[in-house]
């Protein structure tokens, strides 16, 4: 029985490694259709059941999409393939709000540095308009959505696919912190003006000035400011 299970495991790994190799040498790209199960089984010398199992596993993590009557396709949203493993790691590891925030901070700070190296006029205009919208937003949910767009635009402009995709994949976790922190800040600083808008404006200005060190510094200041309110969120939960 142990030998049979071991052989099945090796066959399964063979299928996964073949698909990974095809990604690396560009013979498979997002949106491409995988060969029929029969052909893959013959090419790899494994059973069709093993092929189906491997494809099912890839489908579960978002790397493959199965379309009824059409076949199996490589997902055109591979960033989403990180969501389930990251979410499972967070919950199985008893992750805290601080874990989420520090993960976000490490990526956002570097993304801002990269985005400020050679920002396009379109990016600068977009960031400025988003801050304008945050300043005049009629309610917290609207302001929070614009906040999300602001950080997403910077991640995309970093031109680093790993930073961009990791942040996108962690959106469900990051949104929890970002939105709840925003509410905590607004509720506790009603009489001190919108510090968040001020911070976002300074980040946008530093990017527009093409000053990567300053942009990184401004984003770090923003992240540290938000971190001060995580204790409030944790206390509210308790």
Protein backbone atom coordinates (compact mmCIF):
# COMPACT_ATOMS: atom_id res chain seq x y z
CA UNK A 1 0.00 0.00 0.00
CA UNK A 2 2.82 2.40 0.89
CA UNK A 3 4.49 1.74 -2.49
CA UNK A 4 1.25 2.37 -4.35
CA UNK A 5 0.66 5.65 -2.52
CA UNK A 6 4.27 6.67 -3.15
CA UNK A 7 3.96 5.95 -6.87
CA UNK A 8 0.72 7.94 -7.06
CA UNK A 9 2.34 10.85 -5.25
CA UNK A 10 5.30 10.87 -7.66
CA UNK A 11 2.99 10.72 -10.65
CA UNK A 12 0.96 13.61 -9.29
CA UNK A 13 4.14 15.63 -8.71
CA UNK A 14 5.24 14.87 -12.27
CA UNK A 15 2.09 16.45 -13.64
CA UNK A 16 2.47 19.57 -11.49
CA UNK A 17 6.16 19.94 -12.39
CA UNK A 18 5.43 19.60 -16.12
CA UNK A 19 2.89 22.43 -15.98
CA UNK A 20 5.31 24.56 -13.94
CA UNK A 21 8.07 23.95 -16.47
CA UNK A 22 5.79 24.99 -19.32
CA UNK A 23 5.07 28.22 -17.45
CA UNK A 24 8.77 28.88 -17.06
CA UNK A 25 9.62 28.31 -20.73
CA UNK A 26 6.55 30.28 -21.88
CA UNK A 27 4.92 27.38 -23.70
CA UNK A 28 1.92 27.86 -21.41
CA UNK A 29 0.48 31.31 -20.75
CA UNK A 30 -2.56 32.66 -18.89
CA UNK A 31 -5.68 31.83 -20.88
CA UNK A 32 -4.11 28.89 -22.75
CA UNK A 33 -6.01 25.61 -23.04
CA UNK A 34 -4.35 22.55 -21.53
CA UNK A 35 -3.97 19.47 -23.75
CA UNK A 36 -6.72 16.83 -23.40
CA UNK A 37 -6.38 14.54 -20.38
CA UNK A 38 -5.69 11.51 -22.61
CA UNK A 39 -2.80 13.27 -24.35
CA UNK A 40 -1.30 14.50 -21.09
CA UNK A 41 -1.52 11.00 -19.61
CA UNK A 42 0.25 9.48 -22.60
CA UNK A 43 2.94 12.18 -22.70
CA UNK A 44 3.74 11.82 -18.99
CA UNK A 45 3.21 8.09 -18.65
CA UNK A 46 0.63 8.41 -15.89
CA UNK A 47 -3.03 7.47 -15.57
CA UNK A 48 -5.85 9.77 -16.60
CA UNK A 49 -7.05 9.60 -12.99
CA UNK A 50 -3.75 11.17 -11.90
CA UNK A 51 -4.13 13.90 -14.52
CA UNK A 52 -7.66 14.65 -13.31
CA UNK A 53 -6.48 14.77 -9.69
CA UNK A 54 -3.67 17.20 -10.51
CA UNK A 55 -5.97 19.43 -12.55
CA UNK A 56 -8.55 19.39 -9.75
CA UNK A 57 -5.88 20.49 -7.27
CA UNK A 58 -4.76 23.31 -9.57
CA UNK A 59 -8.37 24.34 -10.05
CA UNK A 60 -8.91 24.52 -6.29
CA UNK A 61 -6.09 27.02 -5.87
CA UNK A 62 -7.19 29.08 -8.87
CA UNK A 63 -4.45 28.20 -11.36
CA UNK A 64 -6.73 26.27 -13.71
CA UNK A 65 -10.29 26.91 -14.84
CA UNK A 66 -12.44 24.05 -16.11
CA UNK A 67 -15.07 25.05 -18.67
CA UNK A 68 -17.87 22.64 -19.39
CA UNK A 69 -17.58 21.26 -22.92
CA UNK A 70 -14.41 23.27 -23.66
CA UNK A 71 -11.66 21.81 -21.53
CA UNK A 72 -9.19 23.06 -18.93
CA UNK A 73 -7.56 26.46 -19.21
CA UNK A 74 -4.77 28.27 -17.39
CA UNK A 75 -6.41 31.05 -15.40
CA UNK A 76 -5.93 34.59 -16.67
CA UNK A 77 -5.96 35.75 -13.04
CA UNK A 78 -2.99 33.87 -11.62
CA UNK A 79 -2.70 36.38 -8.78
CA UNK A 80 -5.85 34.82 -7.35
CA UNK A 81 -4.05 31.47 -7.11
CA UNK A 82 -2.25 32.84 -4.06
CA UNK A 83 -5.42 33.64 -2.12
CA UNK A 84 -6.28 30.25 -0.69
CA UNK A 85 -2.73 29.24 0.36
CA UNK A 86 -2.17 32.65 1.94
CA UNK A 87 -5.51 32.63 3.73
CA UNK A 88 -4.96 29.09 5.00
CA UNK A 89 -1.47 30.00 6.21
CA UNK A 90 -2.90 32.98 8.08
CA UNK A 91 -5.65 31.11 9.88
CA UNK A 92 -3.76 27.87 10.50
CA UNK A 93 -0.87 29.88 11.88
CA UNK A 94 -3.17 31.87 14.17
CA UNK A 95 -2.26 35.07 12.37
CA UNK A 96 -3.01 38.43 13.97
CA UNK A 97 -3.95 41.84 12.65
CA UNK A 98 -0.33 42.83 13.16
CA UNK A 99 0.81 39.98 10.90
CA UNK A 100 -1.47 41.22 8.13
CA UNK A 101 -0.40 44.82 8.63
CA UNK A 102 3.33 44.07 8.67
CA UNK A 103 2.99 41.94 5.55
CA UNK A 104 1.20 44.79 3.83
CA UNK A 105 3.72 47.33 5.10
CA UNK A 106 6.74 45.47 3.73
CA UNK A 107 5.18 45.27 0.26
CA UNK A 108 3.54 48.69 0.12
CA UNK A 109 6.66 50.58 1.16
CA UNK A 110 8.77 48.94 -1.54
CA UNK A 111 6.00 49.27 -4.14
CA UNK A 112 5.87 53.01 -3.48
CA UNK A 113 9.64 53.32 -3.89
CA UNK A 114 9.47 51.53 -7.25
CA UNK A 115 6.42 53.45 -8.44
CA UNK A 116 8.20 56.77 -7.78
CA UNK A 117 11.18 55.89 -9.99
CA UNK A 118 9.49 56.80 -13.25
CA UNK A 119 5.79 57.55 -12.72
CA UNK A 120 3.64 58.31 -15.75
CA UNK A 121 1.58 61.50 -15.91
CA UNK A 122 -1.50 59.25 -15.98
CA UNK A 123 -0.52 57.62 -12.67
CA UNK A 124 0.17 60.95 -10.99
CA UNK A 125 -3.13 62.38 -12.17
CA UNK A 126 -5.00 59.27 -11.08
CA UNK A 127 -3.50 59.30 -7.59
CA UNK A 128 -4.25 63.00 -7.18
CA UNK A 129 -7.88 62.51 -8.22
CA UNK A 130 -8.27 59.61 -5.81
CA UNK A 131 -7.07 61.78 -2.92
CA UNK A 132 -9.45 64.55 -4.05
CA UNK A 133 -12.25 62.01 -3.90
CA UNK A 134 -11.21 60.83 -0.44
CA UNK A 135 -11.32 64.42 0.81
CA UNK A 136 -14.89 64.93 -0.41
CA UNK A 137 -16.23 61.40 0.12
CA UNK A 138 -19.74 61.45 1.63
CA UNK A 139 -19.15 58.44 3.88
CA UNK A 140 -16.55 56.00 5.21
CA UNK A 141 -17.26 53.15 2.74
CA UNK A 142 -16.74 55.48 -0.24
CA UNK A 143 -13.54 56.86 1.22
CA UNK A 144 -12.31 53.34 2.01
CA UNK A 145 -12.96 52.19 -1.58
CA UNK A 146 -10.92 55.12 -2.91
CA UNK A 147 -8.19 54.25 -0.41
CA UNK A 148 -8.14 50.71 -1.83
CA UNK A 149 -7.85 52.07 -5.38
CA UNK A 150 -4.98 54.35 -4.33
CA UNK A 151 -2.88 51.50 -2.95
CA UNK A 152 -3.77 49.17 -5.82
CA UNK A 153 -2.65 51.80 -8.35
CA UNK A 154 0.72 52.12 -6.62
CA UNK A 155 1.20 48.35 -6.46
CA UNK A 156 0.44 48.08 -10.17
CA UNK A 157 2.77 50.97 -10.98
CA UNK A 158 5.63 49.27 -9.13
CA UNK A 159 5.92 47.09 -12.24
CA UNK A 160 6.85 44.17 -9.99
CA UNK A 161 4.49 41.28 -10.66
CA UNK A 162 5.28 39.52 -7.37
CA UNK A 163 4.54 42.58 -5.23
CA UNK A 164 1.42 43.35 -7.26
CA UNK A 165 0.07 39.81 -7.17
CA UNK A 166 0.90 39.20 -3.50
CA UNK A 167 -0.99 42.34 -2.51
CA UNK A 168 -3.90 41.46 -4.78
CA UNK A 169 -4.03 37.92 -3.41
CA UNK A 170 -4.10 39.18 0.15
CA UNK A 171 -6.86 41.71 -0.55
CA UNK A 172 -9.46 39.94 1.56
CA UNK A 173 -7.14 39.98 4.56
CA UNK A 174 -5.76 43.46 3.95
CA UNK A 175 -9.20 44.98 3.44
CA UNK A 176 -10.15 43.93 6.94
CA UNK A 177 -7.31 45.91 8.45
CA UNK A 178 -7.48 48.85 6.05
CA UNK A 179 -11.20 49.50 6.41
CA UNK A 180 -11.42 48.85 10.13
CA UNK A 181 -8.35 50.98 10.82
CA UNK A 182 -9.85 53.80 8.76
CA UNK A 183 -13.06 53.69 10.79
CA UNK A 184 -11.09 53.65 14.06
CA UNK A 185 -9.00 56.64 12.96
CA UNK A 186 -11.98 58.66 11.78
CA UNK A 187 -13.95 57.95 14.96
CA UNK A 188 -11.06 58.93 17.23
CA UNK A 189 -9.76 61.93 15.30
CA UNK A 190 -12.92 63.74 14.31
CA UNK A 191 -11.60 67.08 15.48
CA UNK A 192 -8.11 66.84 14.01
CA UNK A 193 -8.90 66.91 10.32
CA UNK A 194 -8.46 64.02 7.93
CA UNK A 195 -4.97 62.83 8.69
CA UNK A 196 -5.37 59.95 6.26
CA UNK A 197 -6.06 62.23 3.31
CA UNK A 198 -3.08 64.38 4.27
CA UNK A 199 -0.82 61.32 4.33
CA UNK A 200 -2.10 60.02 1.00
CA UNK A 201 -1.61 63.45 -0.56
CA UNK A 202 2.02 63.52 0.57
CA UNK A 203 2.58 60.04 -0.86
CA UNK A 204 1.06 61.08 -4.19
CA UNK A 205 3.14 64.27 -4.25
CA UNK A 206 6.39 62.39 -3.56
CA UNK A 207 5.63 59.98 -6.41
CA UNK A 208 4.83 62.90 -8.73
CA UNK A 209 8.15 64.49 -7.77
CA UNK A 210 9.93 61.26 -8.81
CA UNK A 211 11.57 61.02 -5.40
CA UNK A 212 11.69 57.29 -4.50
CA UNK A 213 13.35 57.69 -1.04
CA UNK A 214 10.82 60.35 -0.03
CA UNK A 215 7.91 58.31 -1.40
CA UNK A 216 9.09 55.28 0.57
CA UNK A 217 9.43 57.42 3.71
CA UNK A 218 5.91 58.85 3.31
CA UNK A 219 4.37 55.41 2.86
CA UNK A 220 6.23 54.06 5.88
CA UNK A 221 4.97 56.99 7.96
CA UNK A 222 1.44 56.18 6.83
CA UNK A 223 1.85 52.51 7.70
CA UNK A 224 3.23 53.31 11.17
CA UNK A 225 0.40 55.76 11.76
CA UNK A 226 -2.20 53.10 10.92
CA UNK A 227 -0.39 50.59 13.12
CA UNK A 228 -0.99 52.82 16.14
CA UNK A 229 -4.71 52.11 15.78
CA UNK A 230 -4.48 48.32 15.61
CA UNK A 231 -4.65 48.12 19.41
CA UNK A 232 -7.96 49.96 19.22
CA UNK A 233 -9.30 47.46 16.68
CA UNK A 234 -8.15 44.52 18.79
CA UNK A 235 -9.74 46.04 21.89
CA UNK A 236 -13.01 46.54 20.01
CA UNK A 237 -12.98 42.85 19.03
CA UNK A 238 -12.49 41.83 22.65
